[in-house]
Amino acid sequence: MLLEAVSPEGTGVLVRLRYRDSVVTAAYRIIVPGDTTTPGATVAVRYLLRDVAHAFFFDTGTVQLRREGGRGGAKVSGRIEGSGIENAIRTPTRIEYHDVPLARPTDTVFCVAQP
């Protein structure tokens, strides 16, 4: 899920959800980017400060996700709260997002073992 900001405080947020069967309404714990097995969320933030780009990833926090709508027109909304280290400074961040469309089921390819 890629979110673009509409406020001057930030320009972009990348959220990668690792879930069990499907995206459901839940609180996803922040996991570090190298963790490839634990269900949770990886969050990276990019923002501008005096025309200089800054970026960091969360190492603590949660992603609150609320799924709305059916399979054909599903959307998610929620809140991300957490923090990460950027330039040796702990940076607390709170992000709200609304009406983000989920990919349609036809946009995904399932992995199936071939005999």
PDB file of N, CA and C in Angstrom:
ATOM      1  N   MET A   1       0.860  -1.151   0.000  1.00  0.00           N
ATOM      2  CA  MET A   1       0.000   0.000   0.000  1.00  0.00           C
ATOM      3  C   MET A   1       0.910   1.219   0.000  1.00  0.00           C
ATOM      4  N   LEU A   2       0.777   2.083  -0.973  1.00  0.00           N
ATOM      5  CA  LEU A   2       1.568   3.303  -1.063  1.00  0.00           C
ATOM      6  C   LEU A   2       0.631   4.471  -0.824  1.00  0.00           C
ATOM      7  N   LEU A   3       0.947   5.299   0.171  1.00  0.00           N
ATOM      8  CA  LEU A   3       0.112   6.440   0.516  1.00  0.00           C
ATOM      9  C   LEU A   3       0.872   7.717   0.210  1.00  0.00           C
ATOM     10  N   GLU A   4       0.201   8.693  -0.411  1.00  0.00           N
ATOM     11  CA  GLU A   4       0.802   9.994  -0.647  1.00  0.00           C
ATOM     12  C   GLU A   4       0.130  11.006   0.246  1.00  0.00           C
ATOM     13  N   ALA A   5       0.916  11.884   0.855  1.00  0.00           N
ATOM     14  CA  ALA A   5       0.380  12.871   1.783  1.00  0.00           C
ATOM     15  C   ALA A   5      -0.272  14.024   1.037  1.00  0.00           C
ATOM     16  N   VAL A   6      -1.270  14.615   1.670  1.00  0.00           N
ATOM     17  CA  VAL A   6      -1.906  15.808   1.127  1.00  0.00           C
ATOM     18  C   VAL A   6      -1.655  16.989   2.057  1.00  0.00           C
ATOM     19  N   SER A   7      -0.673  16.858   2.930  1.00  0.00           N
ATOM     20  CA  SER A   7      -0.328  17.936   3.847  1.00  0.00           C
ATOM     21  C   SER A   7       1.166  18.220   3.731  1.00  0.00           C
ATOM     22  N   PRO A   8       1.597  19.401   4.158  1.00  0.00           N
ATOM     23  CA  PRO A   8       3.011  19.746   4.025  1.00  0.00           C
ATOM     24  C   PRO A   8       3.940  18.976   4.956  1.00  0.00           C
ATOM     25  N   GLU A   9       3.399  18.219   5.918  1.00  0.00           N
ATOM     26  CA  GLU A   9       4.249  17.499   6.856  1.00  0.00           C
ATOM     27  C   GLU A   9       4.914  16.270   6.243  1.00  0.00           C
ATOM     28  N   GLY A  10       4.426  15.779   5.124  1.00  0.00           N
ATOM     29  CA  GLY A  10       5.021  14.577   4.561  1.00  0.00           C
ATOM     30  C   GLY A  10       4.657  14.399   3.110  1.00  0.00           C
ATOM     31  N   THR A  11       5.394  13.517   2.427  1.00  0.00           N
ATOM     32  CA  THR A  11       5.105  13.296   1.019  1.00  0.00           C
ATOM     33  C   THR A  11       4.791  11.859   0.681  1.00  0.00           C
ATOM     34  N   GLY A  12       5.203  10.904   1.491  1.00  0.00           N
ATOM     35  CA  GLY A  12       4.903   9.529   1.127  1.00  0.00           C
ATOM     36  C   GLY A  12       5.096   8.547   2.261  1.00  0.00           C
ATOM     37  N   VAL A  13       4.281   7.494   2.234  1.00  0.00           N
ATOM     38  CA  VAL A  13       4.363   6.424   3.220  1.00  0.00           C
ATOM     39  C   VAL A  13       4.214   5.108   2.475  1.00  0.00           C
ATOM     40  N   LEU A  14       5.100   4.172   2.738  1.00  0.00           N
ATOM     41  CA  LEU A  14       4.998   2.840   2.169  1.00  0.00           C
ATOM     42  C   LEU A  14       4.654   1.885   3.300  1.00  0.00           C
ATOM     43  N   VAL A  15       3.558   1.143   3.139  1.00  0.00           N
ATOM     44  CA  VAL A  15       3.121   0.174   4.142  1.00  0.00           C
ATOM     45  C   VAL A  15       3.090  -1.193   3.479  1.00  0.00           C
ATOM     46  N   ARG A  16       3.820  -2.131   4.054  1.00  0.00           N
ATOM     47  CA  ARG A  16       3.787  -3.513   3.554  1.00  0.00           C
ATOM     48  C   ARG A  16       3.183  -4.374   4.645  1.00  0.00           C
ATOM     49  N   LEU A  17       2.007  -4.929   4.364  1.00  0.00           N
ATOM     50  CA  LEU A  17       1.329  -5.783   5.333  1.00  0.00           C
ATOM     51  C   LEU A  17       1.666  -7.239   5.067  1.00  0.00           C
ATOM     52  N   ARG A  18       2.015  -7.942   6.115  1.00  0.00           N
ATOM     53  CA  ARG A  18       2.220  -9.390   6.033  1.00  0.00           C
ATOM     54  C   ARG A  18       1.105 -10.000   6.876  1.00  0.00           C
ATOM     55  N   TYR A  19       0.129 -10.614   6.198  1.00  0.00           N
ATOM     56  CA  TYR A  19      -1.055 -11.137   6.880  1.00  0.00           C
ATOM     57  C   TYR A  19      -1.184 -12.626   6.615  1.00  0.00           C
ATOM     58  N   ARG A  20      -2.081 -13.272   7.344  1.00  0.00           N
ATOM     59  CA  ARG A  20      -2.224 -14.728   7.239  1.00  0.00           C
ATOM     60  C   ARG A  20      -2.945 -15.133   5.950  1.00  0.00           C
ATOM     61  N   ASP A  21      -4.260 -14.986   5.873  1.00  0.00           N
ATOM     62  CA  ASP A  21      -5.018 -15.406   4.688  1.00  0.00           C
ATOM     63  C   ASP A  21      -5.464 -14.237   3.826  1.00  0.00           C
ATOM     64  N   SER A  22      -5.962 -13.178   4.451  1.00  0.00           N
ATOM     65  CA  SER A  22      -6.451 -12.023   3.714  1.00  0.00           C
ATOM     66  C   SER A  22      -6.366 -10.792   4.604  1.00  0.00           C
ATOM     67  N   VAL A  23      -6.479  -9.623   3.980  1.00  0.00           N
ATOM     68  CA  VAL A  23      -6.449  -8.369   4.729  1.00  0.00           C
ATOM     69  C   VAL A  23      -7.768  -8.229   5.477  1.00  0.00           C
ATOM     70  N   VAL A  24      -7.690  -8.132   6.798  1.00  0.00           N
ATOM     71  CA  VAL A  24      -8.883  -8.010   7.633  1.00  0.00           C
ATOM     72  C   VAL A  24      -8.710  -6.827   8.578  1.00  0.00           C
ATOM     73  N   THR A  25      -9.830  -6.370   9.142  1.00  0.00           N
ATOM     74  CA  THR A  25      -9.780  -5.327  10.152  1.00  0.00           C
ATOM     75  C   THR A  25      -9.002  -5.852  11.348  1.00  0.00           C
ATOM     76  N   ALA A  26      -7.909  -5.178  11.683  1.00  0.00           N
ATOM     77  CA  ALA A  26      -7.051  -5.649  12.775  1.00  0.00           C
ATOM     78  C   ALA A  26      -5.991  -4.604  13.090  1.00  0.00           C
ATOM     79  N   ALA A  27      -5.258  -4.849  14.165  1.00  0.00           N
ATOM     80  CA  ALA A  27      -4.073  -4.066  14.504  1.00  0.00           C
ATOM     81  C   ALA A  27      -2.860  -4.908  14.123  1.00  0.00           C
ATOM     82  N   TYR A  28      -2.027  -4.382  13.242  1.00  0.00           N
ATOM     83  CA  TYR A  28      -0.833  -5.079  12.789  1.00  0.00           C
ATOM     84  C   TYR A  28       0.383  -4.459  13.481  1.00  0.00           C
ATOM     85  N   ARG A  29       1.142  -5.265  14.188  1.00  0.00           N
ATOM     86  CA  ARG A  29       2.332  -4.804  14.897  1.00  0.00           C
ATOM     87  C   ARG A  29       3.430  -4.479  13.886  1.00  0.00           C
ATOM     88  N   ILE A  30       4.202  -3.424  14.146  1.00  0.00           N
ATOM     89  CA  ILE A  30       5.323  -3.065  13.283  1.00  0.00           C
ATOM     90  C   ILE A  30       6.420  -4.121  13.419  1.00  0.00           C
ATOM     91  N   ILE A  31       6.917  -4.588  12.279  1.00  0.00           N
ATOM     92  CA  ILE A  31       8.046  -5.514  12.253  1.00  0.00           C
ATOM     93  C   ILE A  31       9.159  -4.871  11.432  1.00  0.00           C
ATOM     94  N   VAL A  32      10.382  -5.288  11.671  1.00  0.00           N
ATOM     95  CA  VAL A  32      11.511  -4.716  10.933  1.00  0.00           C
ATOM     96  C   VAL A  32      11.516  -5.251   9.501  1.00  0.00           C
ATOM     97  N   PRO A  33      12.048  -4.489   8.543  1.00  0.00           N
ATOM     98  CA  PRO A  33      12.004  -4.903   7.138  1.00  0.00           C
ATOM     99  C   PRO A  33      12.603  -6.272   6.855  1.00  0.00           C
ATOM    100  N   GLY A  34      13.587  -6.721   7.594  1.00  0.00           N
ATOM    101  CA  GLY A  34      14.218  -8.006   7.323  1.00  0.00           C
ATOM    102  C   GLY A  34      13.421  -9.214   7.780  1.00  0.00           C
ATOM    103  N   ASP A  35      12.379  -9.012   8.580  1.00  0.00           N
ATOM    104  CA  ASP A  35      11.561 -10.119   9.084  1.00  0.00           C
ATOM    105  C   ASP A  35      10.629 -10.585   7.972  1.00  0.00           C
ATOM    106  N   THR A  36      10.806 -11.815   7.519  1.00  0.00           N
ATOM    107  CA  THR A  36      10.010 -12.314   6.390  1.00  0.00           C
ATOM    108  C   THR A  36       8.967 -13.349   6.794  1.00  0.00           C
ATOM    109  N   THR A  37       8.825 -13.627   8.081  1.00  0.00           N
ATOM    110  CA  THR A  37       7.886 -14.674   8.490  1.00  0.00           C
ATOM    111  C   THR A  37       6.791 -14.202   9.441  1.00  0.00           C
ATOM    112  N   THR A  38       7.039 -13.195  10.245  1.00  0.00           N
ATOM    113  CA  THR A  38       6.085 -12.750  11.255  1.00  0.00           C
ATOM    114  C   THR A  38       4.967 -11.923  10.631  1.00  0.00           C
ATOM    115  N   PRO A  39       3.696 -12.240  10.924  1.00  0.00           N
ATOM    116  CA  PRO A  39       2.612 -11.360  10.466  1.00  0.00           C
ATOM    117  C   PRO A  39       2.765  -9.983  11.110  1.00  0.00           C
ATOM    118  N   GLY A  40       2.571  -8.938  10.338  1.00  0.00           N
ATOM    119  CA  GLY A  40       2.720  -7.579  10.850  1.00  0.00           C
ATOM    120  C   GLY A  40       2.823  -6.595   9.707  1.00  0.00           C
ATOM    121  N   ALA A  41       3.404  -5.432   9.981  1.00  0.00           N
ATOM    122  CA  ALA A  41       3.507  -4.376   8.976  1.00  0.00           C
ATOM    123  C   ALA A  41       4.901  -3.768   8.997  1.00  0.00           C
ATOM    124  N   THR A  42       5.401  -3.448   7.819  1.00  0.00           N
ATOM    125  CA  THR A  42       6.632  -2.688   7.669  1.00  0.00           C
ATOM    126  C   THR A  42       6.231  -1.324   7.125  1.00  0.00           C
ATOM    127  N   VAL A  43       6.722  -0.257   7.755  1.00  0.00           N
ATOM    128  CA  VAL A  43       6.324   1.096   7.366  1.00  0.00           C
ATOM    129  C   VAL A  43       7.567   1.936   7.121  1.00  0.00           C
ATOM    130  N   ALA A  44       7.615   2.613   5.974  1.00  0.00           N
ATOM    131  CA  ALA A  44       8.684   3.553   5.651  1.00  0.00           C
ATOM    132  C   ALA A  44       8.052   4.908   5.345  1.00  0.00           C
ATOM    133  N   VAL A  45       8.711   5.973   5.769  1.00  0.00           N
ATOM    134  CA  VAL A  45       8.196   7.334   5.605  1.00  0.00           C
ATOM    135  C   VAL A  45       9.231   8.168   4.868  1.00  0.00           C
ATOM    136  N   ARG A  46       8.754   9.014   3.959  1.00  0.00           N
ATOM    137  CA  ARG A  46       9.620   9.966   3.260  1.00  0.00           C
ATOM    138  C   ARG A  46       8.981  11.339   3.393  1.00  0.00           C
ATOM    139  N   TYR A  47       9.791  12.344   3.742  1.00  0.00           N
ATOM    140  CA  TYR A  47       9.258  13.694   3.879  1.00  0.00           C
ATOM    141  C   TYR A  47      10.336  14.711   3.514  1.00  0.00           C
ATOM    142  N   LEU A  48       9.909  15.942   3.275  1.00  0.00           N
ATOM    143  CA  LEU A  48      10.825  17.027   2.937  1.00  0.00           C
ATOM    144  C   LEU A  48      10.937  17.983   4.113  1.00  0.00           C
ATOM    145  N   LEU A  49      12.154  18.458   4.357  1.00  0.00           N
ATOM    146  CA  LEU A  49      12.406  19.469   5.370  1.00  0.00           C
ATOM    147  C   LEU A  49      13.359  20.478   4.754  1.00  0.00           C
ATOM    148  N   ARG A  50      12.860  21.672   4.470  1.00  0.00           N
ATOM    149  CA  ARG A  50      13.634  22.711   3.782  1.00  0.00           C
ATOM    150  C   ARG A  50      14.233  22.189   2.478  1.00  0.00           C
ATOM    151  N   ASP A  51      13.419  21.597   1.658  1.00  0.00           N
ATOM    152  CA  ASP A  51      13.812  21.087   0.336  1.00  0.00           C
ATOM    153  C   ASP A  51      14.828  19.946   0.374  1.00  0.00           C
ATOM    154  N   VAL A  52      15.009  19.320   1.524  1.00  0.00           N
ATOM    155  CA  VAL A  52      15.903  18.169   1.643  1.00  0.00           C
ATOM    156  C   VAL A  52      15.060  16.947   2.000  1.00  0.00           C
ATOM    157  N   ALA A  53      15.207  15.890   1.218  1.00  0.00           N
ATOM    158  CA  ALA A  53      14.433  14.671   1.466  1.00  0.00           C
ATOM    159  C   ALA A  53      15.009  13.902   2.653  1.00  0.00           C
ATOM    160  N   HIS A  54      14.118  13.409   3.495  1.00  0.00           N
ATOM    161  CA  HIS A  54      14.477  12.568   4.638  1.00  0.00           C
ATOM    162  C   HIS A  54      13.637  11.308   4.563  1.00  0.00           C
ATOM    163  N   ALA A  55      14.151  10.215   5.113  1.00  0.00           N
ATOM    164  CA  ALA A  55      13.399   8.957   5.110  1.00  0.00           C
ATOM    165  C   ALA A  55      13.835   8.099   6.288  1.00  0.00           C
ATOM    166  N   PHE A  56      12.905   7.290   6.789  1.00  0.00           N
ATOM    167  CA  PHE A  56      13.217   6.318   7.830  1.00  0.00           C
ATOM    168  C   PHE A  56      12.141   5.256   7.833  1.00  0.00           C
ATOM    169  N   PHE A  57      12.418   4.129   8.484  1.00  0.00           N
ATOM    170  CA  PHE A  57      11.392   3.107   8.647  1.00  0.00           C
ATOM    171  C   PHE A  57      11.081   2.961  10.123  1.00  0.00           C
ATOM    172  N   PHE A  58       9.850   2.573  10.414  1.00  0.00           N
ATOM    173  CA  PHE A  58       9.416   2.387  11.796  1.00  0.00           C
ATOM    174  C   PHE A  58      10.081   1.142  12.374  1.00  0.00           C
ATOM    175  N   ASP A  59      10.468   1.217  13.647  1.00  0.00           N
ATOM    176  CA  ASP A  59      10.935   0.021  14.339  1.00  0.00           C
ATOM    177  C   ASP A  59      10.026  -0.329  15.518  1.00  0.00           C
ATOM    178  N   THR A  60       9.067   0.532  15.829  1.00  0.00           N
ATOM    179  CA  THR A  60       8.059   0.244  16.856  1.00  0.00           C
ATOM    180  C   THR A  60       6.726   0.845  16.433  1.00  0.00           C
ATOM    181  N   GLY A  61       5.632   0.294  16.948  1.00  0.00           N
ATOM    182  CA  GLY A  61       4.320   0.870  16.699  1.00  0.00           C
ATOM    183  C   GLY A  61       3.325  -0.137  16.165  1.00  0.00           C
ATOM    184  N   THR A  62       2.189   0.389  15.689  1.00  0.00           N
ATOM    185  CA  THR A  62       1.125  -0.451  15.136  1.00  0.00           C
ATOM    186  C   THR A  62       0.459   0.237  13.951  1.00  0.00           C
ATOM    187  N   VAL A  63      -0.110  -0.592  13.091  1.00  0.00           N
ATOM    188  CA  VAL A  63      -0.946  -0.126  11.989  1.00  0.00           C
ATOM    189  C   VAL A  63      -2.360  -0.602  12.294  1.00  0.00           C
ATOM    190  N   GLN A  64      -3.263   0.334  12.556  1.00  0.00           N
ATOM    191  CA  GLN A  64      -4.676   0.015  12.760  1.00  0.00           C
ATOM    192  C   GLN A  64      -5.331   0.050  11.386  1.00  0.00           C
ATOM    193  N   LEU A  65      -5.923  -1.043  10.966  1.00  0.00           N
ATOM    194  CA  LEU A  65      -6.512  -1.135   9.636  1.00  0.00           C
ATOM    195  C   LEU A  65      -7.979  -1.513   9.752  1.00  0.00           C
ATOM    196  N   ARG A  66      -8.820  -0.801   9.030  1.00  0.00           N
ATOM    197  CA  ARG A  66     -10.256  -1.083   8.989  1.00  0.00           C
ATOM    198  C   ARG A  66     -10.642  -1.333   7.532  1.00  0.00           C
ATOM    199  N   ARG A  67     -11.074  -2.543   7.242  1.00  0.00           N
ATOM    200  CA  ARG A  67     -11.474  -2.907   5.882  1.00  0.00           C
ATOM    201  C   ARG A  67     -12.956  -2.604   5.700  1.00  0.00           C
ATOM    202  N   GLU A  68     -13.294  -1.999   4.564  1.00  0.00           N
ATOM    203  CA  GLU A  68     -14.674  -1.621   4.264  1.00  0.00           C
ATOM    204  C   GLU A  68     -15.016  -2.069   2.862  1.00  0.00           C
ATOM    205  N   GLY A  69     -16.258  -2.442   2.640  1.00  0.00           N
ATOM    206  CA  GLY A  69     -16.709  -2.826   1.306  1.00  0.00           C
ATOM    207  C   GLY A  69     -16.463  -4.283   1.002  1.00  0.00           C
ATOM    208  N   GLY A  70     -16.988  -4.693  -0.152  1.00  0.00           N
ATOM    209  CA  GLY A  70     -16.889  -6.089  -0.575  1.00  0.00           C
ATOM    210  C   GLY A  70     -15.632  -6.367  -1.358  1.00  0.00           C
ATOM    211  N   ARG A  71     -15.573  -7.566  -1.921  1.00  0.00           N
ATOM    212  CA  ARG A  71     -14.382  -7.998  -2.653  1.00  0.00           C
ATOM    213  C   ARG A  71     -14.110  -7.132  -3.875  1.00  0.00           C
ATOM    214  N   GLY A  72     -15.144  -6.708  -4.578  1.00  0.00           N
ATOM    215  CA  GLY A  72     -14.936  -5.945  -5.801  1.00  0.00           C
ATOM    216  C   GLY A  72     -14.506  -4.515  -5.574  1.00  0.00           C
ATOM    217  N   GLY A  73     -14.964  -3.897  -4.478  1.00  0.00           N
ATOM    218  CA  GLY A  73     -14.646  -2.500  -4.226  1.00  0.00           C
ATOM    219  C   GLY A  73     -14.148  -2.263  -2.821  1.00  0.00           C
ATOM    220  N   ALA A  74     -13.317  -3.141  -2.317  1.00  0.00           N
ATOM    221  CA  ALA A  74     -12.840  -3.026  -0.940  1.00  0.00           C
ATOM    222  C   ALA A  74     -11.877  -1.850  -0.794  1.00  0.00           C
ATOM    223  N   LYS A  75     -12.016  -1.168   0.344  1.00  0.00           N
ATOM    224  CA  LYS A  75     -11.132  -0.059   0.692  1.00  0.00           C
ATOM    225  C   LYS A  75     -10.686  -0.245   2.129  1.00  0.00           C
ATOM    226  N   VAL A  76      -9.576   0.400   2.483  1.00  0.00           N
ATOM    227  CA  VAL A  76      -9.101   0.366   3.858  1.00  0.00           C
ATOM    228  C   VAL A  76      -8.892   1.787   4.364  1.00  0.00           C
ATOM    229  N   SER A  77      -9.076   1.947   5.651  1.00  0.00           N
ATOM    230  CA  SER A  77      -8.823   3.201   6.350  1.00  0.00           C
ATOM    231  C   SER A  77      -8.180   2.848   7.672  1.00  0.00           C
ATOM    232  N   GLY A  78      -7.576   3.828   8.321  1.00  0.00           N
ATOM    233  CA  GLY A  78      -7.011   3.551   9.626  1.00  0.00           C
ATOM    234  C   GLY A  78      -5.980   4.559  10.060  1.00  0.00           C
ATOM    235  N   ARG A  79      -5.129   4.111  10.972  1.00  0.00           N
ATOM    236  CA  ARG A  79      -4.121   4.971  11.578  1.00  0.00           C
ATOM    237  C   ARG A  79      -2.833   4.173  11.783  1.00  0.00           C
ATOM    238  N   ILE A  80      -1.716   4.852  11.585  1.00  0.00           N
ATOM    239  CA  ILE A  80      -0.402   4.273  11.841  1.00  0.00           C
ATOM    240  C   ILE A  80       0.243   5.113  12.933  1.00  0.00           C
ATOM    241  N   GLU A  81       0.674   4.473  13.999  1.00  0.00           N
ATOM    242  CA  GLU A  81       1.381   5.169  15.071  1.00  0.00           C
ATOM    243  C   GLU A  81       2.648   4.403  15.386  1.00  0.00           C
ATOM    244  N   GLY A  82       3.760   5.119  15.431  1.00  0.00           N
ATOM    245  CA  GLY A  82       5.016   4.466  15.738  1.00  0.00           C
ATOM    246  C   GLY A  82       6.162   5.443  15.655  1.00  0.00           C
ATOM    247  N   SER A  83       7.369   4.900  15.641  1.00  0.00           N
ATOM    248  CA  SER A  83       8.541   5.752  15.537  1.00  0.00           C
ATOM    249  C   SER A  83       9.700   4.961  14.947  1.00  0.00           C
ATOM    250  N   GLY A  84      10.689   5.716  14.514  1.00  0.00           N
ATOM    251  CA  GLY A  84      11.901   5.140  13.964  1.00  0.00           C
ATOM    252  C   GLY A  84      13.050   6.107  14.175  1.00  0.00           C
ATOM    253  N   ILE A  85      14.239   5.696  13.803  1.00  0.00           N
ATOM    254  CA  ILE A  85      15.430   6.532  13.969  1.00  0.00           C
ATOM    255  C   ILE A  85      15.764   7.172  12.631  1.00  0.00           C
ATOM    256  N   GLU A  86      15.900   8.505  12.640  1.00  0.00           N
ATOM    257  CA  GLU A  86      16.288   9.240  11.436  1.00  0.00           C
ATOM    258  C   GLU A  86      17.350  10.244  11.853  1.00  0.00           C
ATOM    259  N   ASN A  87      18.545  10.150  11.294  1.00  0.00           N
ATOM    260  CA  ASN A  87      19.683  11.000  11.674  1.00  0.00           C
ATOM    261  C   ASN A  87      19.968  10.923  13.171  1.00  0.00           C
ATOM    262  N   ALA A  88      19.945   9.717  13.722  1.00  0.00           N
ATOM    263  CA  ALA A  88      20.231   9.443  15.140  1.00  0.00           C
ATOM    264  C   ALA A  88      19.217  10.075  16.088  1.00  0.00           C
ATOM    265  N   ILE A  89      18.041  10.422  15.588  1.00  0.00           N
ATOM    266  CA  ILE A  89      16.990  11.020  16.416  1.00  0.00           C
ATOM    267  C   ILE A  89      15.748  10.146  16.340  1.00  0.00           C
ATOM    268  N   ARG A  90      15.202   9.790  17.496  1.00  0.00           N
ATOM    269  CA  ARG A  90      13.936   9.037  17.547  1.00  0.00           C
ATOM    270  C   ARG A  90      12.839   9.964  17.034  1.00  0.00           C
ATOM    271  N   THR A  91      12.114   9.527  15.986  1.00  0.00           N
ATOM    272  CA  THR A  91      11.110  10.360  15.339  1.00  0.00           C
ATOM    273  C   THR A  91       9.730   9.734  15.485  1.00  0.00           C
ATOM    274  N   PRO A  92       8.910  10.223  16.437  1.00  0.00           N
ATOM    275  CA  PRO A  92       7.550   9.695  16.576  1.00  0.00           C
ATOM    276  C   PRO A  92       6.669  10.211  15.443  1.00  0.00           C
ATOM    277  N   THR A  93       5.797   9.353  14.950  1.00  0.00           N
ATOM    278  CA  THR A  93       4.968   9.711  13.798  1.00  0.00           C
ATOM    279  C   THR A  93       3.568   9.146  13.963  1.00  0.00           C
ATOM    280  N   ARG A  94       2.574   9.937  13.571  1.00  0.00           N
ATOM    281  CA  ARG A  94       1.184   9.482  13.539  1.00  0.00           C
ATOM    282  C   ARG A  94       0.632   9.796  12.150  1.00  0.00           C
ATOM    283  N   ILE A  95       0.082   8.787  11.494  1.00  0.00           N
ATOM    284  CA  ILE A  95      -0.417   8.922  10.124  1.00  0.00           C
ATOM    285  C   ILE A  95      -1.845   8.401  10.082  1.00  0.00           C
ATOM    286  N   GLU A  96      -2.738   9.152   9.461  1.00  0.00           N
ATOM    287  CA  GLU A  96      -4.108   8.692   9.243  1.00  0.00           C
ATOM    288  C   GLU A  96      -4.328   8.553   7.749  1.00  0.00           C
ATOM    289  N   TYR A  97      -5.049   7.519   7.348  1.00  0.00           N
ATOM    290  CA  TYR A  97      -5.352   7.306   5.935  1.00  0.00           C
ATOM    291  C   TYR A  97      -6.809   6.878   5.796  1.00  0.00           C
ATOM    292  N   HIS A  98      -7.411   7.238   4.653  1.00  0.00           N
ATOM    293  CA  HIS A  98      -8.837   6.987   4.438  1.00  0.00           C
ATOM    294  C   HIS A  98      -9.094   6.539   3.005  1.00  0.00           C
ATOM    295  N   ASP A  99     -10.020   5.610   2.839  1.00  0.00           N
ATOM    296  CA  ASP A  99     -10.538   5.205   1.523  1.00  0.00           C
ATOM    297  C   ASP A  99      -9.449   4.807   0.526  1.00  0.00           C
ATOM    298  N   VAL A 100      -8.494   4.011   0.964  1.00  0.00           N
ATOM    299  CA  VAL A 100      -7.437   3.518   0.074  1.00  0.00           C
ATOM    300  C   VAL A 100      -7.944   2.239  -0.588  1.00  0.00           C
ATOM    301  N   PRO A 101      -8.080   2.217  -1.925  1.00  0.00           N
ATOM    302  CA  PRO A 101      -8.609   1.018  -2.591  1.00  0.00           C
ATOM    303  C   PRO A 101      -7.622  -0.146  -2.531  1.00  0.00           C
ATOM    304  N   LEU A 102      -8.158  -1.331  -2.293  1.00  0.00           N
ATOM    305  CA  LEU A 102      -7.349  -2.550  -2.340  1.00  0.00           C
ATOM    306  C   LEU A 102      -7.340  -3.084  -3.763  1.00  0.00           C
ATOM    307  N   ALA A 103      -6.298  -3.803  -4.113  1.00  0.00           N
ATOM    308  CA  ALA A 103      -6.218  -4.408  -5.446  1.00  0.00           C
ATOM    309  C   ALA A 103      -7.352  -5.405  -5.621  1.00  0.00           C
ATOM    310  N   ARG A 104      -7.896  -5.445  -6.809  1.00  0.00           N
ATOM    311  CA  ARG A 104      -8.958  -6.410  -7.100  1.00  0.00           C
ATOM    312  C   ARG A 104      -8.375  -7.820  -7.106  1.00  0.00           C
ATOM    313  N   PRO A 105      -9.195  -8.822  -6.776  1.00  0.00           N
ATOM    314  CA  PRO A 105      -8.687 -10.204  -6.758  1.00  0.00           C
ATOM    315  C   PRO A 105      -8.069 -10.629  -8.085  1.00  0.00           C
ATOM    316  N   THR A 106      -8.535 -10.073  -9.211  1.00  0.00           N
ATOM    317  CA  THR A 106      -7.977 -10.456 -10.509  1.00  0.00           C
ATOM    318  C   THR A 106      -6.588  -9.874 -10.726  1.00  0.00           C
ATOM    319  N   ASP A 107      -6.168  -8.925  -9.868  1.00  0.00           N
ATOM    320  CA  ASP A 107      -4.847  -8.329  -9.993  1.00  0.00           C
ATOM    321  C   ASP A 107      -3.763  -9.147  -9.305  1.00  0.00           C
ATOM    322  N   THR A 108      -4.138 -10.231  -8.661  1.00  0.00           N
ATOM    323  CA  THR A 108      -3.154 -11.029  -7.942  1.00  0.00           C
ATOM    324  C   THR A 108      -2.966 -12.377  -8.623  1.00  0.00           C
ATOM    325  N   VAL A 109      -1.799 -12.936  -8.461  1.00  0.00           N
ATOM    326  CA  VAL A 109      -1.484 -14.245  -9.015  1.00  0.00           C
ATOM    327  C   VAL A 109      -1.146 -15.161  -7.851  1.00  0.00           C
ATOM    328  N   PHE A 110      -1.832 -16.278  -7.772  1.00  0.00           N
ATOM    329  CA  PHE A 110      -1.595 -17.219  -6.695  1.00  0.00           C
ATOM    330  C   PHE A 110      -0.463 -18.166  -7.072  1.00  0.00           C
ATOM    331  N   CYS A 111       0.341 -18.506  -6.093  1.00  0.00           N
ATOM    332  CA  CYS A 111       1.421 -19.471  -6.302  1.00  0.00           C
ATOM    333  C   CYS A 111       0.862 -20.870  -6.089  1.00  0.00           C
ATOM    334  N   VAL A 112       0.963 -21.705  -7.085  1.00  0.00           N
ATOM    335  CA  VAL A 112       0.468 -23.073  -7.003  1.00  0.00           C
ATOM    336  C   VAL A 112       1.591 -24.003  -7.445  1.00  0.00           C
ATOM    337  N   ALA A 113       1.787 -25.070  -6.682  1.00  0.00           N
ATOM    338  CA  ALA A 113       2.812 -26.047  -7.050  1.00  0.00           C
ATOM    339  C   ALA A 113       2.412 -26.758  -8.337  1.00  0.00           C
ATOM    340  N   GLN A 114       3.326 -26.838  -9.257  1.00  0.00           N
ATOM    341  CA  GLN A 114       3.096 -27.527 -10.525  1.00  0.00           C
ATOM    342  C   GLN A 114       3.702 -28.922 -10.441  1.00  0.00           C
ATOM    343  N   PRO A 115       2.930 -29.985 -10.771  1.00  0.00           N
ATOM    344  CA  PRO A 115       3.491 -31.341 -10.709  1.00  0.00           C
ATOM    345  C   PRO A 115       4.515 -31.569 -11.807  1.00  0.00           C
TER     346      PRO A 115
END
